[in-house]
N, C-alpha and C. Protein backbone atom coordinates (compact mmCIF):
# COMPACT_ATOMS: atom_id res chain seq x y z
N MET A 1 113.19 118.64 98.32
CA MET A 1 112.63 117.31 98.37
C MET A 1 111.70 117.09 97.19
N ARG A 2 111.72 115.89 96.69
CA ARG A 2 110.88 115.52 95.55
C ARG A 2 109.44 115.28 96.00
N ALA A 3 108.52 115.47 95.08
CA ALA A 3 107.11 115.21 95.37
C ALA A 3 106.49 114.44 94.22
N ILE A 4 105.44 113.70 94.54
CA ILE A 4 104.62 113.03 93.53
C ILE A 4 103.21 113.59 93.67
N LYS A 5 102.36 113.31 92.69
CA LYS A 5 101.00 113.84 92.71
C LYS A 5 99.98 112.73 92.59
N THR A 6 98.87 112.92 93.29
CA THR A 6 97.74 112.02 93.14
C THR A 6 97.09 112.28 91.79
N SER A 7 96.16 111.44 91.41
CA SER A 7 95.47 111.64 90.14
C SER A 7 94.62 112.91 90.14
N THR A 8 94.34 113.44 91.34
CA THR A 8 93.59 114.70 91.44
C THR A 8 94.50 115.91 91.55
N GLY A 9 95.83 115.68 91.52
CA GLY A 9 96.78 116.77 91.53
C GLY A 9 97.33 117.18 92.88
N VAL A 10 96.98 116.45 93.94
CA VAL A 10 97.49 116.77 95.27
C VAL A 10 98.93 116.27 95.39
N GLU A 11 99.82 117.15 95.83
CA GLU A 11 101.23 116.78 95.97
C GLU A 11 101.50 116.07 97.29
N ILE A 12 102.37 115.07 97.21
CA ILE A 12 102.86 114.37 98.39
C ILE A 12 104.37 114.48 98.38
N THR A 13 104.92 115.11 99.40
CA THR A 13 106.37 115.24 99.52
C THR A 13 106.95 113.89 99.92
N LEU A 14 107.97 113.46 99.22
CA LEU A 14 108.62 112.18 99.51
C LEU A 14 109.73 112.39 100.53
N ASP A 15 109.35 112.27 101.78
CA ASP A 15 110.32 112.43 102.86
C ASP A 15 110.46 111.15 103.68
N GLY A 16 109.97 110.03 103.11
CA GLY A 16 110.05 108.75 103.81
C GLY A 16 108.92 108.50 104.77
N ASP A 17 107.96 109.42 104.84
CA ASP A 17 106.85 109.30 105.79
C ASP A 17 105.68 108.57 105.15
N LEU A 18 105.59 107.27 105.40
CA LEU A 18 104.51 106.47 104.84
C LEU A 18 103.15 106.97 105.29
N LEU A 19 103.04 107.43 106.53
CA LEU A 19 101.74 107.88 107.02
C LEU A 19 101.23 109.10 106.26
N ALA A 20 102.12 109.92 105.73
CA ALA A 20 101.69 111.05 104.90
C ALA A 20 101.05 110.54 103.62
N VAL A 21 101.60 109.48 103.06
CA VAL A 21 101.03 108.89 101.85
C VAL A 21 99.68 108.27 102.17
N VAL A 22 99.60 107.53 103.27
CA VAL A 22 98.35 106.88 103.67
C VAL A 22 97.27 107.91 103.95
N GLU A 23 97.62 108.98 104.65
CA GLU A 23 96.64 110.04 104.95
C GLU A 23 96.13 110.69 103.67
N THR A 24 97.03 110.94 102.73
CA THR A 24 96.61 111.54 101.47
C THR A 24 95.70 110.59 100.70
N LEU A 25 96.04 109.30 100.68
CA LEU A 25 95.17 108.33 100.04
C LEU A 25 93.78 108.32 100.68
N PHE A 26 93.75 108.37 101.99
CA PHE A 26 92.46 108.39 102.71
C PHE A 26 91.65 109.61 102.29
N GLN A 27 92.29 110.77 102.30
CA GLN A 27 91.57 112.00 101.94
C GLN A 27 91.12 112.00 100.49
N GLU A 28 92.01 111.61 99.59
CA GLU A 28 91.73 111.72 98.16
C GLU A 28 90.88 110.60 97.59
N VAL A 29 90.87 109.45 98.22
CA VAL A 29 90.06 108.34 97.70
C VAL A 29 88.85 108.09 98.58
N THR A 30 89.06 107.89 99.87
CA THR A 30 87.96 107.53 100.75
C THR A 30 87.05 108.73 101.04
N VAL A 31 87.61 109.83 101.51
CA VAL A 31 86.80 110.99 101.86
C VAL A 31 86.19 111.62 100.61
N ARG A 32 86.98 111.77 99.58
CA ARG A 32 86.49 112.40 98.34
C ARG A 32 85.29 111.63 97.78
N HIS A 33 85.29 110.32 97.95
CA HIS A 33 84.17 109.49 97.47
C HIS A 33 83.11 109.28 98.55
N GLU A 34 83.20 110.06 99.62
CA GLU A 34 82.24 110.00 100.74
C GLU A 34 82.07 108.56 101.24
N LEU A 35 83.21 107.89 101.45
CA LEU A 35 83.30 106.52 101.96
C LEU A 35 82.74 105.48 100.99
N GLU A 36 82.43 105.86 99.77
CA GLU A 36 81.87 104.96 98.77
C GLU A 36 82.92 104.53 97.76
N ARG A 37 84.12 104.37 98.18
CA ARG A 37 85.18 103.96 97.27
C ARG A 37 85.23 102.44 97.22
N THR A 38 85.85 101.93 96.18
CA THR A 38 85.99 100.49 96.02
C THR A 38 87.46 100.09 96.16
N PHE A 39 87.66 98.80 96.24
CA PHE A 39 89.02 98.26 96.24
C PHE A 39 89.76 98.74 95.00
N GLU A 40 89.08 98.70 93.86
CA GLU A 40 89.68 99.11 92.60
C GLU A 40 90.07 100.58 92.60
N ASP A 41 89.21 101.44 93.20
CA ASP A 41 89.52 102.87 93.30
C ASP A 41 90.84 103.08 94.04
N MET A 42 90.97 102.41 95.18
CA MET A 42 92.18 102.58 96.00
C MET A 42 93.39 102.00 95.29
N MET A 43 93.25 100.82 94.71
CA MET A 43 94.38 100.21 94.01
C MET A 43 94.83 101.05 92.82
N ARG A 44 93.89 101.64 92.10
CA ARG A 44 94.22 102.50 90.96
C ARG A 44 95.05 103.69 91.42
N GLU A 45 94.67 104.29 92.54
CA GLU A 45 95.41 105.45 93.06
C GLU A 45 96.78 105.04 93.58
N ILE A 46 96.86 103.91 94.26
CA ILE A 46 98.16 103.43 94.75
C ILE A 46 99.09 103.14 93.58
N ARG A 47 98.58 102.50 92.55
CA ARG A 47 99.40 102.24 91.35
C ARG A 47 99.86 103.55 90.71
N HIS A 48 98.96 104.53 90.66
CA HIS A 48 99.31 105.83 90.08
C HIS A 48 100.48 106.45 90.85
N LEU A 49 100.45 106.37 92.16
CA LEU A 49 101.53 106.92 92.97
C LEU A 49 102.81 106.10 92.79
N ALA A 50 102.68 104.77 92.81
CA ALA A 50 103.86 103.90 92.71
C ALA A 50 104.60 104.09 91.39
N GLU A 51 103.85 104.36 90.32
CA GLU A 51 104.47 104.56 89.01
C GLU A 51 105.37 105.80 88.97
N GLN A 52 105.19 106.69 89.91
CA GLN A 52 106.00 107.91 89.95
C GLN A 52 107.27 107.76 90.80
N LEU A 53 107.39 106.64 91.50
CA LEU A 53 108.52 106.42 92.40
C LEU A 53 109.69 105.76 91.67
N THR A 54 110.88 106.11 92.09
CA THR A 54 112.07 105.43 91.59
C THR A 54 112.16 104.05 92.26
N PRO A 55 112.95 103.15 91.72
CA PRO A 55 113.11 101.85 92.39
C PRO A 55 113.59 101.97 93.84
N GLU A 56 114.47 102.92 94.11
CA GLU A 56 114.96 103.12 95.47
C GLU A 56 113.84 103.60 96.40
N GLU A 57 113.01 104.53 95.90
CA GLU A 57 111.88 105.03 96.70
C GLU A 57 110.86 103.93 96.94
N LEU A 58 110.59 103.13 95.90
CA LEU A 58 109.67 102.00 96.06
C LEU A 58 110.16 101.05 97.14
N ARG A 59 111.44 100.73 97.11
CA ARG A 59 112.03 99.84 98.11
C ARG A 59 111.88 100.41 99.51
N ALA A 60 112.19 101.69 99.67
CA ALA A 60 112.11 102.32 100.99
C ALA A 60 110.67 102.33 101.52
N TYR A 61 109.72 102.68 100.66
CA TYR A 61 108.33 102.72 101.10
C TYR A 61 107.77 101.32 101.33
N LEU A 62 108.22 100.32 100.56
CA LEU A 62 107.80 98.94 100.81
C LEU A 62 108.29 98.47 102.17
N ILE A 63 109.55 98.75 102.48
CA ILE A 63 110.11 98.35 103.76
C ILE A 63 109.33 98.99 104.90
N GLU A 64 109.05 100.28 104.80
CA GLU A 64 108.29 100.95 105.86
C GLU A 64 106.88 100.38 105.95
N SER A 65 106.26 100.08 104.81
CA SER A 65 104.92 99.53 104.79
C SER A 65 104.86 98.16 105.46
N VAL A 66 105.81 97.29 105.13
CA VAL A 66 105.84 95.96 105.74
C VAL A 66 106.08 96.09 107.25
N PHE A 67 106.97 96.97 107.65
CA PHE A 67 107.21 97.18 109.08
C PHE A 67 105.94 97.65 109.78
N LEU A 68 105.28 98.66 109.23
CA LEU A 68 104.07 99.18 109.84
C LEU A 68 102.98 98.12 109.91
N ASN A 69 102.83 97.33 108.86
CA ASN A 69 101.82 96.27 108.86
C ASN A 69 102.16 95.17 109.86
N THR A 70 103.44 94.88 110.03
CA THR A 70 103.85 93.88 111.01
C THR A 70 103.53 94.34 112.42
N VAL A 71 103.82 95.59 112.73
CA VAL A 71 103.51 96.14 114.06
C VAL A 71 102.00 96.14 114.29
N THR A 72 101.23 96.55 113.28
CA THR A 72 99.77 96.55 113.40
C THR A 72 99.26 95.14 113.63
N TYR A 73 99.76 94.18 112.89
CA TYR A 73 99.37 92.79 113.04
C TYR A 73 99.68 92.29 114.45
N GLU A 74 100.90 92.57 114.92
CA GLU A 74 101.29 92.16 116.28
C GLU A 74 100.36 92.77 117.32
N ASN A 75 100.06 94.05 117.17
CA ASN A 75 99.19 94.72 118.14
C ASN A 75 97.79 94.12 118.14
N GLU A 76 97.27 93.79 116.96
CA GLU A 76 95.95 93.17 116.87
C GLU A 76 95.95 91.78 117.51
N ARG A 77 96.99 91.01 117.26
CA ARG A 77 97.09 89.68 117.87
C ARG A 77 97.21 89.77 119.39
N LEU A 78 98.05 90.69 119.86
CA LEU A 78 98.20 90.85 121.31
C LEU A 78 96.90 91.35 121.94
N GLY A 79 96.20 92.26 121.25
CA GLY A 79 94.92 92.75 121.75
C GLY A 79 93.91 91.62 121.88
N ALA A 80 93.86 90.75 120.88
CA ALA A 80 92.94 89.61 120.92
C ALA A 80 93.30 88.66 122.06
N LEU A 81 94.58 88.44 122.27
CA LEU A 81 95.03 87.59 123.36
C LEU A 81 94.66 88.19 124.72
N MET A 82 94.86 89.50 124.85
CA MET A 82 94.53 90.16 126.12
C MET A 82 93.02 90.10 126.39
N ARG A 83 92.19 90.26 125.34
CA ARG A 83 90.74 90.16 125.52
C ARG A 83 90.35 88.74 125.93
N LYS A 84 91.00 87.75 125.31
CA LYS A 84 90.72 86.36 125.63
C LYS A 84 91.09 86.07 127.08
N LEU A 85 92.24 86.55 127.50
CA LEU A 85 92.67 86.35 128.88
C LEU A 85 91.75 87.07 129.86
N GLY A 86 91.22 88.22 129.46
CA GLY A 86 90.31 88.97 130.31
C GLY A 86 88.97 88.28 130.47
N ASP A 87 88.58 87.48 129.47
CA ASP A 87 87.31 86.75 129.53
C ASP A 87 87.38 85.52 130.41
N GLU A 88 88.59 85.07 130.68
CA GLU A 88 88.75 83.82 131.47
C GLU A 88 88.63 84.06 132.93
């Protein structure tokens, strides 16, 4: 399996697992900066990783990302609705 590297040299195996990429980003950007990272820090690292992907890999990870974000959005909306109904 192919791997890409973060700007700090940490390898990420490309096995289609978006959460592995997200976890590595969290560790290498957020934790490494002791929660003092900026939007620009995270975007710079994401761009660094994306530049190493083939067009097919980019497409696959985009699709998984949009799916995951859609599910998260739905869950947040449903949670808000359930809280609202519970308050009534």
